[in-house]
N, C-alpha and C. Protein backbone atom coordinates (compact mmCIF):
# COMPACT_ATOMS: atom_id res chain seq x y z
N MET A 1 17.66 8.12 -24.06
CA MET A 1 17.08 7.62 -22.83
C MET A 1 17.95 6.52 -22.23
N THR A 2 19.15 6.34 -22.72
CA THR A 2 20.00 5.28 -22.20
C THR A 2 21.08 5.83 -21.28
N GLU A 3 20.85 6.97 -20.68
CA GLU A 3 21.83 7.55 -19.77
C GLU A 3 22.04 6.64 -18.57
N ASN A 4 23.30 6.42 -18.23
CA ASN A 4 23.67 5.55 -17.13
C ASN A 4 24.14 6.41 -15.97
N VAL A 5 23.49 6.26 -14.82
CA VAL A 5 23.88 6.98 -13.62
C VAL A 5 24.22 5.94 -12.56
N ALA A 6 25.49 5.82 -12.23
CA ALA A 6 25.95 4.87 -11.20
C ALA A 6 25.45 3.45 -11.45
N GLY A 7 25.43 3.05 -12.72
CA GLY A 7 24.99 1.70 -13.06
C GLY A 7 23.50 1.53 -13.25
N ILE A 8 22.74 2.59 -13.07
CA ILE A 8 21.28 2.54 -13.24
C ILE A 8 20.93 3.19 -14.57
N THR A 9 20.10 2.51 -15.36
CA THR A 9 19.61 3.09 -16.61
C THR A 9 18.09 3.05 -16.61
N ILE A 10 17.51 4.00 -17.30
CA ILE A 10 16.06 4.01 -17.46
C ILE A 10 15.70 2.86 -18.40
N PRO A 11 14.74 2.04 -18.03
CA PRO A 11 14.36 0.92 -18.89
C PRO A 11 13.93 1.41 -20.27
N ASP A 12 14.28 0.65 -21.28
CA ASP A 12 13.93 1.03 -22.65
C ASP A 12 12.79 0.13 -23.13
N SER A 13 11.58 0.62 -22.95
CA SER A 13 10.40 -0.11 -23.42
C SER A 13 9.45 0.91 -24.05
N GLN A 14 8.46 0.41 -24.74
CA GLN A 14 7.49 1.32 -25.35
C GLN A 14 6.79 2.15 -24.28
N LEU A 15 6.45 1.52 -23.16
CA LEU A 15 5.76 2.24 -22.09
C LEU A 15 6.63 3.36 -21.53
N THR A 16 7.89 3.08 -21.24
CA THR A 16 8.74 4.13 -20.67
C THR A 16 9.01 5.24 -21.67
N ARG A 17 9.12 4.90 -22.94
CA ARG A 17 9.29 5.95 -23.96
C ARG A 17 8.05 6.84 -24.03
N GLU A 18 6.86 6.23 -23.97
CA GLU A 18 5.62 7.01 -24.02
C GLU A 18 5.47 7.88 -22.77
N ILE A 19 5.80 7.34 -21.61
CA ILE A 19 5.73 8.11 -20.36
C ILE A 19 6.69 9.29 -20.43
N THR A 20 7.91 9.04 -20.89
CA THR A 20 8.90 10.11 -20.99
C THR A 20 8.40 11.21 -21.92
N GLU A 21 7.87 10.82 -23.06
CA GLU A 21 7.35 11.80 -24.02
C GLU A 21 6.19 12.60 -23.41
N LEU A 22 5.29 11.93 -22.72
CA LEU A 22 4.15 12.60 -22.09
C LEU A 22 4.63 13.64 -21.07
N VAL A 23 5.55 13.25 -20.21
CA VAL A 23 6.02 14.17 -19.18
C VAL A 23 6.79 15.33 -19.81
N ARG A 24 7.63 15.04 -20.79
CA ARG A 24 8.36 16.13 -21.47
C ARG A 24 7.41 17.12 -22.14
N ASP A 25 6.30 16.61 -22.69
CA ASP A 25 5.35 17.46 -23.40
C ASP A 25 4.42 18.24 -22.48
N THR A 26 4.21 17.77 -21.26
CA THR A 26 3.20 18.39 -20.40
C THR A 26 3.75 19.06 -19.14
N ALA A 27 4.98 18.77 -18.79
CA ALA A 27 5.55 19.33 -17.56
C ALA A 27 6.73 20.22 -17.89
N SER A 28 7.10 21.02 -16.94
CA SER A 28 8.27 21.88 -17.13
C SER A 28 9.54 21.03 -17.11
N PRO A 29 10.61 21.54 -17.71
CA PRO A 29 11.89 20.81 -17.64
C PRO A 29 12.31 20.55 -16.19
N LEU A 30 12.04 21.48 -15.31
CA LEU A 30 12.38 21.31 -13.91
C LEU A 30 11.70 20.07 -13.33
N LEU A 31 10.41 19.91 -13.60
CA LEU A 31 9.68 18.76 -13.08
C LEU A 31 10.13 17.46 -13.75
N PHE A 32 10.39 17.51 -15.05
CA PHE A 32 10.87 16.32 -15.75
C PHE A 32 12.19 15.83 -15.14
N HIS A 33 13.13 16.73 -14.96
CA HIS A 33 14.44 16.34 -14.42
C HIS A 33 14.33 15.90 -12.95
N HIS A 34 13.44 16.53 -12.22
CA HIS A 34 13.21 16.10 -10.83
C HIS A 34 12.70 14.66 -10.81
N SER A 35 11.76 14.36 -11.68
CA SER A 35 11.21 13.01 -11.75
C SER A 35 12.29 11.98 -12.10
N SER A 36 13.17 12.35 -13.00
CA SER A 36 14.27 11.45 -13.36
C SER A 36 15.19 11.21 -12.17
N ARG A 37 15.49 12.26 -11.44
CA ARG A 37 16.35 12.11 -10.26
C ARG A 37 15.69 11.22 -9.21
N VAL A 38 14.39 11.34 -9.05
CA VAL A 38 13.67 10.50 -8.09
C VAL A 38 13.80 9.03 -8.49
N PHE A 39 13.67 8.73 -9.78
CA PHE A 39 13.83 7.35 -10.25
C PHE A 39 15.23 6.84 -9.92
N TYR A 40 16.26 7.60 -10.27
CA TYR A 40 17.63 7.16 -10.02
C TYR A 40 17.88 6.98 -8.52
N PHE A 41 17.42 7.92 -7.72
CA PHE A 41 17.61 7.83 -6.27
C PHE A 41 16.94 6.58 -5.70
N ALA A 42 15.69 6.34 -6.11
CA ALA A 42 14.96 5.19 -5.60
C ALA A 42 15.61 3.88 -6.04
N ALA A 43 16.05 3.82 -7.29
CA ALA A 43 16.70 2.61 -7.78
C ALA A 43 18.00 2.35 -7.03
N LEU A 44 18.79 3.39 -6.82
CA LEU A 44 20.05 3.23 -6.08
C LEU A 44 19.80 2.85 -4.63
N ALA A 45 18.79 3.46 -4.01
CA ALA A 45 18.46 3.14 -2.62
C ALA A 45 18.01 1.68 -2.50
N GLY A 46 17.18 1.24 -3.42
CA GLY A 46 16.73 -0.15 -3.41
C GLY A 46 17.88 -1.11 -3.64
N GLN A 47 18.74 -0.78 -4.58
CA GLN A 47 19.90 -1.61 -4.87
C GLN A 47 20.82 -1.71 -3.65
N ARG A 48 21.03 -0.61 -3.00
CA ARG A 48 21.90 -0.59 -1.82
C ARG A 48 21.33 -1.45 -0.69
N ARG A 49 20.01 -1.49 -0.59
CA ARG A 49 19.37 -2.29 0.45
C ARG A 49 19.15 -3.75 0.04
N GLY A 50 19.55 -4.07 -1.18
CA GLY A 50 19.39 -5.44 -1.65
C GLY A 50 17.97 -5.80 -2.03
N LEU A 51 17.16 -4.81 -2.35
CA LEU A 51 15.76 -5.05 -2.70
C LEU A 51 15.63 -5.36 -4.19
N LYS A 52 14.69 -6.22 -4.51
CA LYS A 52 14.36 -6.49 -5.91
C LYS A 52 13.20 -5.58 -6.29
N TYR A 53 13.26 -5.02 -7.48
CA TYR A 53 12.20 -4.13 -7.94
C TYR A 53 12.09 -4.24 -9.45
N ASP A 54 10.95 -3.84 -9.96
CA ASP A 54 10.72 -3.81 -11.40
C ASP A 54 11.09 -2.41 -11.88
N PRO A 55 12.19 -2.25 -12.61
CA PRO A 55 12.63 -0.92 -13.03
C PRO A 55 11.57 -0.17 -13.85
N GLU A 56 10.84 -0.88 -14.70
CA GLU A 56 9.82 -0.24 -15.52
C GLU A 56 8.69 0.30 -14.64
N LEU A 57 8.25 -0.48 -13.68
CA LEU A 57 7.19 -0.04 -12.77
C LEU A 57 7.67 1.14 -11.92
N LEU A 58 8.89 1.07 -11.44
CA LEU A 58 9.44 2.17 -10.64
C LEU A 58 9.50 3.45 -11.47
N TYR A 59 9.90 3.35 -12.72
CA TYR A 59 10.01 4.53 -13.58
C TYR A 59 8.64 5.14 -13.88
N CYS A 60 7.67 4.27 -14.12
CA CYS A 60 6.34 4.77 -14.52
C CYS A 60 5.52 5.19 -13.33
């Protein structure tokens, strides 16, 4: 879960690990990967605009 995409990493906390496990167990791989891309896109868009955000909240 420590994959780095353009300087963005998924936060490593108990909550994010549990969320990741839940989605992997209940959704299709297509939906799981789509959700990951949405997180990376939103984080990069916020970073580009100079916005502050909570990475854990954004991921969950």
